[in-house]
């Protein structure tokens, strides 16, 4: 069982005020008289309409985003965080820190949003993905509220794109796991999808998520994949090696989108989402969490992930393989969800990594935090099970290169190869089947 680790930090936003040090002693006495949670709580509002209204949204740049939502006196921007150092992907979250709650709204405050990701390409707006609802963050909402949000966003997209949508009906056997509508016109493209068939009251599925994507007409990747009638890899396996780079002895894969799992124990499905986006599959961690029956407070059972991804991989035209799992202090093969006992040697482990990285295929890596050193250094309080993506290696330095689903600054990290082998709990492969 992996109890997925979420990024350790103070997880709070504080204000940069002059003379702060002078006031520390006085603040201690004041806070002694006020409940800590009340003293620290920050409530803000953010109207996200400017980045979903066309054609104005298409003119937005990363610099505009920082001007529209300035950080003010806070140490870091409380409204959004950059997910990459290049500032080509940012995320707005309703609860960005333990002491901050932001009322994120669209459509003149009519619709609440849990989180919104905005993508830029070459410094220009590419598209947005809004998690209008997801059970992992919000629990359950009423059928009335669910339908209200769905209908309001649908009307907005029809007006913005000046076209009527076509309906998409879920068909699990065809890899279409969602219900909803798709829009495409010279003005752009969009999808509004959920697991719950809003138009069919005879199918009372548990409401898991509602997602909206809106992008430029020429947007590729997940925005193009989202319009497809079948959820499958849109990137051919033979093309993935083009993403491999070599620099200073490092051999590594580029172009893997960053996702921030937030405060949920979603490291497995967040890593899987990043892998799917890299393959051009429009399936996010909330959707994958539904398929894997992930518990946002407990993480994801790796053996159960093995079962679930093994069942659905063909739906996305991918092949899932469990390469190794830890058992009684050893790395062994797993067959039919059983520990079969054959040891995975260090040499075999290396070959798994080298071969797949050279083919442009990242590896899903479950491991134990806080046991072995890594660069950049992780907070010493970090420990427990976690999942990462192995994205490269350096044979001369005997290092592996990996990435965490924790946002900017976690795109490229290293660990000694011997240490990585020792802390491995599982090594998994998922690759497209279409050459």
Protein backbone atom coordinates (compact mmCIF):
# COMPACT_ATOMS: atom_id res chain seq x y z
CA UNK A 1 0.00 0.00 0.00
CA UNK A 2 1.30 3.44 -0.90
CA UNK A 3 -0.06 6.22 1.27
CA UNK A 4 0.84 8.84 -1.30
CA UNK A 5 2.94 11.66 0.06
CA UNK A 6 1.87 15.22 -0.64
CA UNK A 7 4.43 17.98 -0.91
CA UNK A 8 5.72 19.11 2.49
CA UNK A 9 5.82 22.82 3.14
CA UNK A 10 4.51 25.27 5.68
CA UNK A 11 1.44 25.13 3.41
CA UNK A 12 0.42 28.65 4.25
CA UNK A 13 0.58 32.08 2.69
CA UNK A 14 1.92 34.97 4.73
CA UNK A 15 2.18 38.66 4.10
CA UNK A 16 5.40 40.65 3.66
CA UNK A 17 4.90 43.58 6.00
CA UNK A 18 7.53 46.20 6.99
CA UNK A 19 8.90 45.98 10.52
CA UNK A 20 7.71 42.41 10.79
CA UNK A 21 10.59 41.32 13.02
CA UNK A 22 9.95 44.18 15.44
CA UNK A 23 6.36 43.11 15.87
CA UNK A 24 7.01 39.42 16.43
CA UNK A 25 6.91 39.57 20.25
CA UNK A 26 3.75 41.68 20.23
CA UNK A 27 2.17 39.29 17.73
CA UNK A 28 2.84 36.34 20.02
CA UNK A 29 0.88 37.98 22.83
CA UNK A 30 -1.95 38.99 20.50
CA UNK A 31 -2.22 35.52 18.96
CA UNK A 32 -2.31 34.00 22.41
CA UNK A 33 -5.65 35.73 22.88
CA UNK A 34 -7.03 34.81 19.42
CA UNK A 35 -7.65 31.26 18.11
CA UNK A 36 -4.82 30.47 15.68
CA UNK A 37 -7.10 29.28 12.88
CA UNK A 38 -9.11 32.50 13.02
CA UNK A 39 -5.98 34.67 13.06
CA UNK A 40 -4.38 32.99 10.07
CA UNK A 41 -7.35 32.34 7.79
CA UNK A 42 -7.28 34.27 4.51
CA UNK A 43 -10.37 34.46 2.31
CA UNK A 44 -10.10 35.89 -1.19
CA UNK A 45 -12.13 36.08 -4.38
CA UNK A 46 -11.00 35.59 -7.97
CA UNK A 47 -13.16 36.19 -11.03
CA UNK A 48 -11.74 33.99 -13.79
CA UNK A 49 -13.99 35.31 -16.56
CA UNK A 50 -11.15 37.26 -18.29
CA UNK A 51 -9.43 34.00 -19.20
CA UNK A 52 -12.49 32.24 -20.62
CA UNK A 53 -14.01 35.16 -22.58
CA UNK A 54 -13.19 35.19 -26.29
CA UNK A 55 -11.44 36.61 -28.16
CA UNK A 56 -9.88 38.64 -25.32
CA UNK A 57 -8.54 35.51 -23.61
CA UNK A 58 -6.48 34.65 -26.67
CA UNK A 59 -4.41 37.80 -26.12
CA UNK A 60 -3.39 36.86 -22.59
CA UNK A 61 0.30 36.31 -21.80
CA UNK A 62 2.06 35.02 -18.66
CA UNK A 63 2.86 38.64 -17.83
CA UNK A 64 -0.82 39.57 -18.11
CA UNK A 65 -1.72 36.79 -15.68
CA UNK A 66 0.66 38.21 -13.07
CA UNK A 67 -0.77 41.71 -13.62
CA UNK A 68 -4.40 40.57 -13.45
CA UNK A 69 -3.80 38.57 -10.26
CA UNK A 70 -0.96 40.34 -8.38
CA UNK A 71 0.48 38.81 -5.24
CA UNK A 72 0.30 42.09 -3.33
CA UNK A 73 1.97 41.94 0.10
CA UNK A 74 2.02 38.14 0.24
CA UNK A 75 5.25 36.16 0.09
CA UNK A 76 3.93 34.22 -2.89
CA UNK A 77 0.95 34.69 -5.12
CA UNK A 78 -2.11 33.36 -3.26
CA UNK A 79 -4.28 33.27 -6.38
CA UNK A 80 -2.27 31.00 -8.64
CA UNK A 81 1.02 29.12 -8.84
CA UNK A 82 3.23 28.50 -11.83
CA UNK A 83 3.57 24.76 -12.42
CA UNK A 84 6.77 25.19 -14.42
CA UNK A 85 9.77 27.47 -14.20
CA UNK A 86 9.18 28.41 -17.85
CA UNK A 87 5.80 29.88 -16.85
CA UNK A 88 3.92 28.03 -19.55
CA UNK A 89 1.41 26.40 -17.16
CA UNK A 90 -0.29 27.88 -14.09
CA UNK A 91 -2.96 26.63 -11.70
CA UNK A 92 -5.67 28.38 -9.70
CA UNK A 93 -6.92 26.34 -6.71
CA UNK A 94 -9.76 26.96 -4.30
CA UNK A 95 -7.55 25.84 -1.39
CA UNK A 96 -3.96 26.67 -2.42
CA UNK A 97 -2.76 26.52 1.21
CA UNK A 98 -4.06 25.34 4.56
CA UNK A 99 -4.91 28.89 5.64
CA UNK A 100 -6.19 30.22 2.30
CA UNK A 101 -9.55 29.77 0.64
CA UNK A 102 -10.31 31.49 -2.66
CA UNK A 103 -13.77 31.76 -4.10
CA UNK A 104 -13.00 30.94 -7.74
CA UNK A 105 -15.90 31.82 -10.01
CA UNK A 106 -16.80 32.15 -13.67
CA UNK A 107 -19.82 33.52 -15.54
CA UNK A 108 -20.32 36.59 -13.38
CA UNK A 109 -20.05 34.57 -10.19
CA UNK A 110 -22.77 32.13 -11.21
CA UNK A 111 -20.54 29.05 -11.28
CA UNK A 112 -17.94 28.01 -8.71
CA UNK A 113 -14.75 26.31 -9.88
CA UNK A 114 -12.50 24.01 -7.85
CA UNK A 115 -9.38 24.64 -9.88
CA UNK A 116 -8.33 25.98 -13.28
CA UNK A 117 -5.19 25.35 -15.30
CA UNK A 118 -4.09 27.77 -18.00
CA UNK A 119 -1.54 26.82 -20.65
CA UNK A 120 0.64 29.13 -22.72
CA UNK A 121 2.74 28.30 -25.77
CA UNK A 122 5.50 30.58 -27.00
CA UNK A 123 4.30 33.18 -24.53
CA UNK A 124 0.71 33.18 -25.80
CA UNK A 125 -2.56 31.76 -24.47
CA UNK A 126 -3.12 28.16 -25.58
CA UNK A 127 -6.06 26.92 -23.53
CA UNK A 128 -7.67 26.38 -20.14
CA UNK A 129 -8.86 23.30 -18.28
CA UNK A 130 -11.31 23.90 -15.44
CA UNK A 131 -12.20 21.33 -12.81
CA UNK A 132 -15.72 22.56 -12.17
CA UNK A 133 -16.34 19.75 -9.72
CA UNK A 134 -14.40 16.77 -8.42
CA UNK A 135 -15.36 14.54 -5.53
CA UNK A 136 -11.78 14.31 -4.24
CA UNK A 137 -11.82 17.99 -3.27
CA UNK A 138 -15.48 18.74 -2.67
CA UNK A 139 -17.14 15.54 -1.52
CA UNK A 140 -20.63 15.40 -3.02
CA UNK A 141 -22.89 18.14 -4.35
CA UNK A 142 -26.61 18.07 -5.12
CA UNK A 143 -27.99 16.98 -8.47
CA UNK A 144 -29.51 20.44 -8.80
CA UNK A 145 -26.16 22.22 -8.34
CA UNK A 146 -24.38 19.76 -10.64
CA UNK A 147 -26.94 20.35 -13.43
CA UNK A 148 -26.92 24.10 -12.89
CA UNK A 149 -23.16 24.32 -13.45
CA UNK A 150 -23.30 22.02 -16.45
CA UNK A 151 -26.07 23.94 -18.22
CA UNK A 152 -24.58 27.38 -17.51
CA UNK A 153 -21.16 26.42 -18.89
CA UNK A 154 -22.73 24.74 -21.93
CA UNK A 155 -24.61 27.93 -22.82
CA UNK A 156 -21.45 29.98 -22.36
CA UNK A 157 -19.38 27.77 -24.68
CA UNK A 158 -22.06 27.79 -27.39
CA UNK A 159 -22.13 31.60 -27.28
CA UNK A 160 -18.35 32.04 -27.19
CA UNK A 161 -17.70 29.66 -30.07
CA UNK A 162 -20.84 30.67 -31.98
CA UNK A 163 -21.84 27.09 -32.73
CA UNK A 164 -24.00 24.28 -31.46
CA UNK A 165 -22.27 21.33 -29.80
CA UNK A 166 -22.44 17.68 -30.63
CA UNK A 167 -23.27 15.29 -27.84
CA UNK A 168 -20.77 12.73 -26.61
CA UNK A 169 -22.17 9.65 -24.98
CA UNK A 170 -19.93 7.51 -22.80
CA UNK A 171 -19.01 4.10 -24.20
CA UNK A 172 -16.60 2.24 -21.92
CA UNK A 173 -15.85 -0.41 -24.55
CA UNK A 174 -14.65 2.34 -26.89
CA UNK A 175 -12.58 4.04 -24.23
CA UNK A 176 -15.00 6.96 -23.88
CA UNK A 177 -15.34 7.27 -20.11
CA UNK A 178 -17.25 10.55 -20.07
CA UNK A 179 -20.57 12.08 -21.07
CA UNK A 180 -20.96 15.61 -22.37
CA UNK A 181 -20.63 17.90 -25.35
CA UNK A 182 -17.97 18.96 -27.86
CA UNK A 183 -17.71 22.33 -29.68
CA UNK A 184 -15.55 23.18 -32.69
CA UNK A 185 -15.65 26.33 -34.82
CA UNK A 186 -13.27 28.86 -36.39
CA UNK A 187 -13.35 30.69 -33.04
CA UNK A 188 -11.85 27.75 -31.11
CA UNK A 189 -12.71 24.39 -29.58
CA UNK A 190 -14.08 23.17 -26.29
CA UNK A 191 -15.42 20.18 -24.37
CA UNK A 192 -17.64 19.91 -21.30
CA UNK A 193 -17.45 16.43 -19.83
CA UNK A 194 -18.42 14.53 -16.69
CA UNK A 195 -18.86 10.95 -15.54
CA UNK A 196 -22.53 11.58 -14.79
CA UNK A 197 -25.05 11.64 -17.66
CA UNK A 198 -26.83 14.89 -16.82
CA UNK A 199 -29.44 14.31 -19.50
CA UNK A 200 -30.48 10.85 -18.35
CA UNK A 201 -32.11 10.73 -14.89
CA UNK A 202 -32.49 6.94 -15.22
CA UNK A 203 -28.73 6.55 -14.74
CA UNK A 204 -27.95 7.77 -11.21
CA UNK A 205 -24.17 7.35 -11.33
CA UNK A 206 -22.27 8.82 -8.42
CA UNK A 207 -21.08 12.27 -9.44
CA UNK A 208 -17.27 12.16 -9.61
CA UNK A 209 -16.13 15.10 -11.75
CA UNK A 210 -17.05 17.79 -14.28
CA UNK A 211 -14.37 19.21 -16.54
CA UNK A 212 -14.29 21.99 -19.13
CA UNK A 213 -11.58 22.62 -21.71
CA UNK A 214 -11.44 25.68 -23.97
CA UNK A 215 -8.62 26.34 -26.41
CA UNK A 216 -7.45 28.02 -29.57
CA UNK A 217 -8.45 26.37 -32.82
CA UNK A 218 -4.84 25.34 -33.51
CA UNK A 219 -4.17 23.92 -30.02
CA UNK A 220 -2.73 20.39 -30.11
CA UNK A 221 -1.94 17.84 -27.41
CA UNK A 222 -4.66 17.19 -24.85
CA UNK A 223 -6.87 19.93 -26.30
CA UNK A 224 -6.97 18.18 -29.65
CA UNK A 225 -7.22 14.75 -28.02
CA UNK A 226 -10.22 15.89 -25.97
CA UNK A 227 -12.26 16.29 -29.16
CA UNK A 228 -11.63 12.76 -30.38
CA UNK A 229 -14.44 10.24 -30.38
CA UNK A 230 -12.19 7.68 -28.74
CA UNK A 231 -9.94 8.23 -25.72
CA UNK A 232 -6.62 6.89 -26.92
CA UNK A 233 -3.00 7.87 -27.34
CA UNK A 234 -2.66 10.38 -30.15
CA UNK A 235 1.14 10.17 -30.11
CA UNK A 236 2.73 7.21 -31.86
CA UNK A 237 5.22 5.12 -29.91
CA UNK A 238 7.80 5.43 -32.70
CA UNK A 239 7.80 9.23 -32.31
CA UNK A 240 8.54 9.30 -28.57
CA UNK A 241 12.31 8.90 -28.95
CA UNK A 242 12.34 12.37 -30.52
CA UNK A 243 11.72 13.75 -27.02
CA UNK A 244 14.99 12.35 -25.61
CA UNK A 245 17.83 14.81 -25.01
CA UNK A 246 21.47 14.43 -23.92
CA UNK A 247 23.35 17.07 -21.92
CA UNK A 248 26.41 16.78 -19.63
CA UNK A 249 26.01 13.02 -19.46
CA UNK A 250 22.29 13.26 -18.67
CA UNK A 251 19.93 11.34 -20.93
CA UNK A 252 16.39 12.49 -20.25
CA UNK A 253 12.89 12.88 -21.68
CA UNK A 254 11.46 16.34 -22.34
CA UNK A 255 7.89 17.50 -22.88
CA UNK A 256 6.23 15.85 -19.87
CA UNK A 257 3.45 18.17 -18.63
CA UNK A 258 3.50 19.14 -14.97
CA UNK A 259 0.57 18.41 -12.69
CA UNK A 260 0.25 19.38 -9.03
CA UNK A 261 -1.54 16.69 -7.03
CA UNK A 262 -2.28 19.25 -4.32
CA UNK A 263 -3.01 18.07 -0.78
CA UNK A 264 -4.66 14.85 -1.91
CA UNK A 265 -3.05 11.42 -1.79
CA UNK A 266 -3.23 11.32 -5.58
CA UNK A 267 0.44 10.85 -6.45
CA UNK A 268 -0.31 7.68 -8.43
CA UNK A 269 -3.12 9.08 -10.56
CA UNK A 270 -1.39 12.48 -10.87
CA UNK A 271 1.68 10.70 -12.26
CA UNK A 272 -0.54 8.68 -14.57
CA UNK A 273 -2.23 11.86 -15.80
CA UNK A 274 1.15 13.36 -16.67
CA UNK A 275 2.03 10.23 -18.57
CA UNK A 276 -1.32 10.26 -20.38
CA UNK A 277 -0.97 13.93 -21.34
CA UNK A 278 2.51 13.17 -22.67
CA UNK A 279 0.93 10.48 -24.87
CA UNK A 280 -1.85 12.85 -25.94
CA UNK A 281 -4.62 11.20 -23.88
CA UNK A 282 -7.17 13.62 -22.44
CA UNK A 283 -7.80 11.88 -19.10
CA UNK A 284 -7.10 13.70 -15.82
CA UNK A 285 -6.31 12.48 -12.31
CA UNK A 286 -9.91 12.88 -11.10
CA UNK A 287 -11.11 10.61 -13.89
CA UNK A 288 -8.30 8.14 -13.22
CA UNK A 289 -9.06 8.29 -9.48
CA UNK A 290 -12.59 7.16 -10.28
CA UNK A 291 -11.32 4.25 -12.35
CA UNK A 292 -8.75 3.26 -9.72
CA UNK A 293 -11.13 3.87 -6.80
CA UNK A 294 -8.51 6.12 -5.21
CA UNK A 295 -9.13 7.42 -1.71
CA UNK A 296 -7.93 11.06 -1.65
CA UNK A 297 -7.03 10.77 2.04
CA UNK A 298 -5.25 7.42 1.90
CA UNK A 299 -3.59 7.29 -1.51
CA UNK A 300 -3.78 4.38 -3.89
CA UNK A 301 -3.09 0.70 -3.33
CA UNK A 302 -0.37 -0.14 -5.86
CA UNK A 303 -1.61 -3.70 -6.38
CA UNK A 304 -5.08 -2.37 -7.05
CA UNK A 305 -3.67 0.20 -9.48
CA UNK A 306 -1.99 -2.73 -11.22
CA UNK A 307 -5.35 -4.48 -11.53
CA UNK A 308 -7.27 -1.40 -12.68
CA UNK A 309 -4.76 -0.08 -15.22
CA UNK A 310 -4.33 -3.61 -16.46
CA UNK A 311 -8.05 -3.70 -17.19
CA UNK A 312 -8.39 -0.31 -18.87
CA UNK A 313 -5.09 0.13 -20.68
CA UNK A 314 -6.46 -1.38 -23.91
CA UNK A 315 -9.26 1.20 -23.87
CA UNK A 316 -6.65 3.93 -24.30
CA UNK A 317 -4.53 1.89 -26.72
CA UNK A 318 -1.72 1.61 -24.19
CA UNK A 319 0.00 -1.39 -22.64
CA UNK A 320 0.51 -1.53 -18.88
CA UNK A 321 3.23 -3.76 -17.39
CA UNK A 322 4.35 -4.19 -13.79
CA UNK A 323 8.13 -4.56 -14.08
CA UNK A 324 8.97 -5.04 -10.40
CA UNK A 325 7.51 -4.78 -6.89
CA UNK A 326 9.05 -4.91 -3.43
CA UNK A 327 8.35 -8.03 -1.38
CA UNK A 328 10.07 -9.08 1.84
CA UNK A 329 13.03 -6.80 1.22
CA UNK A 330 13.52 -7.82 -2.41
CA UNK A 331 12.38 -6.61 -5.83
CA UNK A 332 10.48 -9.42 -7.52
CA UNK A 333 8.22 -10.06 -10.47
CA UNK A 334 4.47 -9.71 -10.14
CA UNK A 335 2.28 -12.02 -12.15
CA UNK A 336 -1.51 -12.15 -11.97
CA UNK A 337 -1.28 -9.90 -8.90
CA UNK A 338 0.83 -12.49 -7.10
CA UNK A 339 4.43 -12.25 -5.89
CA UNK A 340 6.06 -15.00 -7.91
CA UNK A 341 9.43 -14.79 -6.23
CA UNK A 342 11.85 -14.29 -9.12
CA UNK A 343 14.27 -11.57 -8.10
CA UNK A 344 14.76 -8.44 -10.22
CA UNK A 345 18.50 -7.86 -10.14
CA UNK A 346 20.12 -4.47 -10.15
CA UNK A 347 21.30 -5.19 -13.71
CA UNK A 348 17.75 -5.94 -14.88
CA UNK A 349 16.49 -2.85 -13.06
CA UNK A 350 19.06 -0.72 -14.91
CA UNK A 351 18.11 -2.25 -18.24
CA UNK A 352 14.43 -1.48 -17.67
CA UNK A 353 15.30 2.16 -17.09
CA UNK A 354 17.91 2.67 -19.82
CA UNK A 355 15.92 0.97 -22.57
CA UNK A 356 12.64 2.77 -21.91
CA UNK A 357 14.19 6.20 -21.40
CA UNK A 358 16.05 5.84 -24.70
CA UNK A 359 12.70 5.00 -26.33
CA UNK A 360 11.16 8.14 -24.84
CA UNK A 361 8.98 6.25 -22.34
CA UNK A 362 8.91 7.46 -18.70
CA UNK A 363 8.50 4.89 -15.92
CA UNK A 364 6.02 5.05 -13.05
CA UNK A 365 8.14 4.64 -9.90
CA UNK A 366 6.68 3.97 -6.46
CA UNK A 367 9.20 4.40 -3.67
CA UNK A 368 9.85 5.30 -0.02
CA UNK A 369 10.66 8.93 0.74
CA UNK A 370 13.09 10.16 3.39
CA UNK A 371 15.42 7.14 3.37
CA UNK A 372 18.05 8.13 0.80
CA UNK A 373 19.40 11.57 -0.22
CA UNK A 374 18.28 13.27 -3.41
CA UNK A 375 18.96 16.53 -5.25
CA UNK A 376 17.48 19.05 -4.78
CA UNK A 377 17.22 18.01 -1.14
CA UNK A 378 13.77 17.11 0.08
CA UNK A 379 12.46 18.40 3.40
CA UNK A 380 13.78 16.08 6.15
CA UNK A 381 10.24 15.61 7.48
CA UNK A 382 9.15 13.99 4.23
CA UNK A 383 8.69 10.25 4.54
CA UNK A 384 6.40 7.44 3.49
CA UNK A 385 5.24 5.99 0.20
CA UNK A 386 5.13 8.09 -2.94
CA UNK A 387 4.99 7.77 -6.73
CA UNK A 388 7.21 9.60 -9.18
CA UNK A 389 8.14 9.41 -12.85
CA UNK A 390 11.64 8.29 -13.80
CA UNK A 391 12.51 10.41 -16.83
CA UNK A 392 16.24 9.85 -17.33
CA UNK A 393 19.64 8.67 -16.15
CA UNK A 394 23.34 9.55 -16.05
CA UNK A 395 25.58 6.49 -16.40
CA UNK A 396 28.80 8.34 -15.59
CA UNK A 397 27.41 9.70 -12.30
CA UNK A 398 25.34 6.56 -11.67
CA UNK A 399 22.19 8.60 -11.13
CA UNK A 400 18.57 8.38 -12.12
CA UNK A 401 16.61 11.49 -13.09
CA UNK A 402 13.02 11.81 -11.89
CA UNK A 403 10.18 14.27 -11.50
CA UNK A 404 7.53 14.79 -8.80
CA UNK A 405 3.94 15.89 -9.38
CA UNK A 406 4.36 18.89 -7.06
CA UNK A 407 4.58 21.83 -9.46
CA UNK A 408 7.38 24.22 -10.39
CA UNK A 409 10.84 23.27 -9.17
CA UNK A 410 10.09 19.54 -9.23
CA UNK A 411 10.53 18.95 -12.96
CA UNK A 412 14.11 17.59 -12.84
CA UNK A 413 15.66 15.84 -9.81
CA UNK A 414 18.32 13.19 -9.23
CA UNK A 415 19.17 10.29 -6.92
CA UNK A 416 22.05 7.83 -6.74
CA UNK A 417 21.18 4.70 -8.73
CA UNK A 418 22.01 2.29 -5.86
CA UNK A 419 19.84 4.32 -3.52
CA UNK A 420 16.96 4.41 -6.02
CA UNK A 421 17.08 0.62 -6.35
CA UNK A 422 16.95 0.21 -2.57
CA UNK A 423 13.93 2.47 -2.01
CA UNK A 424 11.89 1.16 -4.94
CA UNK A 425 8.49 -0.27 -4.07
CA UNK A 426 7.32 -0.73 -7.64
CA UNK A 427 8.37 -0.02 -11.22
CA UNK A 428 5.63 0.21 -13.84
CA UNK A 429 5.51 0.71 -17.58
CA UNK A 430 2.67 2.12 -19.66
CA UNK A 431 3.28 2.82 -23.33
CA UNK A 432 1.22 3.36 -26.47
CA UNK A 433 0.55 0.28 -28.59
CA UNK A 434 0.25 2.19 -31.87
CA UNK A 435 3.61 2.45 -33.66
